[in-house]
Structures are given as structure tokens and as C-alpha cells.
């Protein structure tokens, strides 16, 4: 009897645009669960120049009839989208493989790196577009599970590797001005209202400036507060100017004023729970 306990954590970062879904599984002894019935067949290609490696990977996934398996060298990475397979199982020992994978477009095949030598290499692999990481010490049955996971648009990788990749992307991402972050979520008229509020104008003053009634100005402000998740003119002004601290900062944490990577990391770690041991 095979039992699998999973926990899932979704991470979305406004600055980098990353959406990460991390799933961790606990295993018991036995065979992997059967693949769900489906009429869809997926093309899976093994990228390696090592015949022994290729044969081992084929054996690891041979029981899944939904996969049409082929193999070849690094030239498989250069196939056009129309002819490319759905999943590439990549031998991590190929020379210059990360650089070549980094040139694959987002609508290309899903990349799973096999026999990954270290966590640092795994971080580089995810940053290069990888969606699956199988380490040298991982069981061969993980290859089948990783394929199923990435075909669903998720990521198969150790949690700490995913978080380290996210932190690096977050640190290297260009910082968008807070005012631009706020305005990007608003209509043209709402942006005009926010700019007036940010300069300290009252409702009557901004209404006169924009040629609208005070009631209309208040209605615009109500919509703006709802869109940005802030409460009151003070919090809105703080969000627009990027105030780093104070009560206003606490009111807009996670919105206009995103937490620091350290703060977000603590939040992420708290949301992930290790699966209970399977008896």
C-alpha cells in the first residue's frame, strides 16, 4: 500500500512576478500511486550524451503509458515550440547546459534537471527556467512524480532551494517606485485624485482642481482605498510616497509597501508545515 502526504505553499512576489507552488511529500514503502486515467499523451525527451544515464531514466518512467519517450543530445533544446516535447529531462552534467536552457522561451518545454550535484547548482537551474530538481540522492521514482507535477504547472524542488531562488530573484529585481506601483492599479482619474491627496489637498481642494464635485471626489477615494487595501488618506499618502515606517506602513504591508525579503521569508516559512510521518 502506498501513501503520500503532501503540503502545498503558494508564493507570489509582486516585484519579480514569480508564482511558486511548492509541494513537499512524505513517503511510505511501496509502489508509486497509479497515474490518473487520461486520454492525453505527453512527449518526454531525455537530454544526455550518456547512454547509461538515458537507459536508467527510461527505466524510471517506463510504467507510465501516457509518456512518449525519446532521447537525444543538447540539440533538443533548440527545437521550435511546435516540435518541442512537453517535458525535457536534462542531464545536469552536460557542459554549459544552464546557459543554453536560459535561452529557452517561457512557452517552451518544462525543464526537469536530473542528478543535480548541489543546492547551489539547483538554485541556478531554477533561475534558468527549470521547474523540476532531482538530486543525486533522490529515489528514481521521483522522476515520474516530478513530471506529473510540472505538467500541472507546479514546481518539484526542495523547499529551501525554491526559497533561496526566490530570495535571489527578489534581491536582483529592479525596485519599482512606490508611486508607480500605486498608480499602475488605478484608472486615469483615480491617479489624478491620488496625486492631489499626496500633496495634502482636502476633498474640496482636489474637487476644485479636477472640476468635479466633492461627492465625486469622495467616491473616487472610496474606490481607491478598496483597490489598494488602505484605510484613510494618511495610509494612501504613505503608500504613494513609500513611507518606510509608522502606523501607515503597518496598514499597507503586503500592498503598496511590500515587506522586506526577510519579512516575507518568515511569513512563507510559517505557512509551510512539514508533513506528518506516515505510519
Foldseek 3Di string as FASTA:
>chain_A
DKDKDKDWFWDADPQLRDTAIEMDIFIDDDDDDDDDDDPAAFEEEEADPDPVVVVLLCVLAVVDPSYDYYYDHPCLLVDDQVPHTQEYEYEPPDPPSLVSLLPRDPSHHAYAYEQQDDLVSLLSNVVSRHQHYHHNPHDSNVVVVQVVQVVVVHGHDDPVSVLVSVLVSVVPGDDDQLLCQLVVQDDPVLNLLLVCLLVPDDLCRSCVVVVHDSVVSVVSVVVSCVSQVADDSVLSNCSNNVPPDDPSCVRRDPGSNDDDSVVVVVVSVVSDDDDDHDD
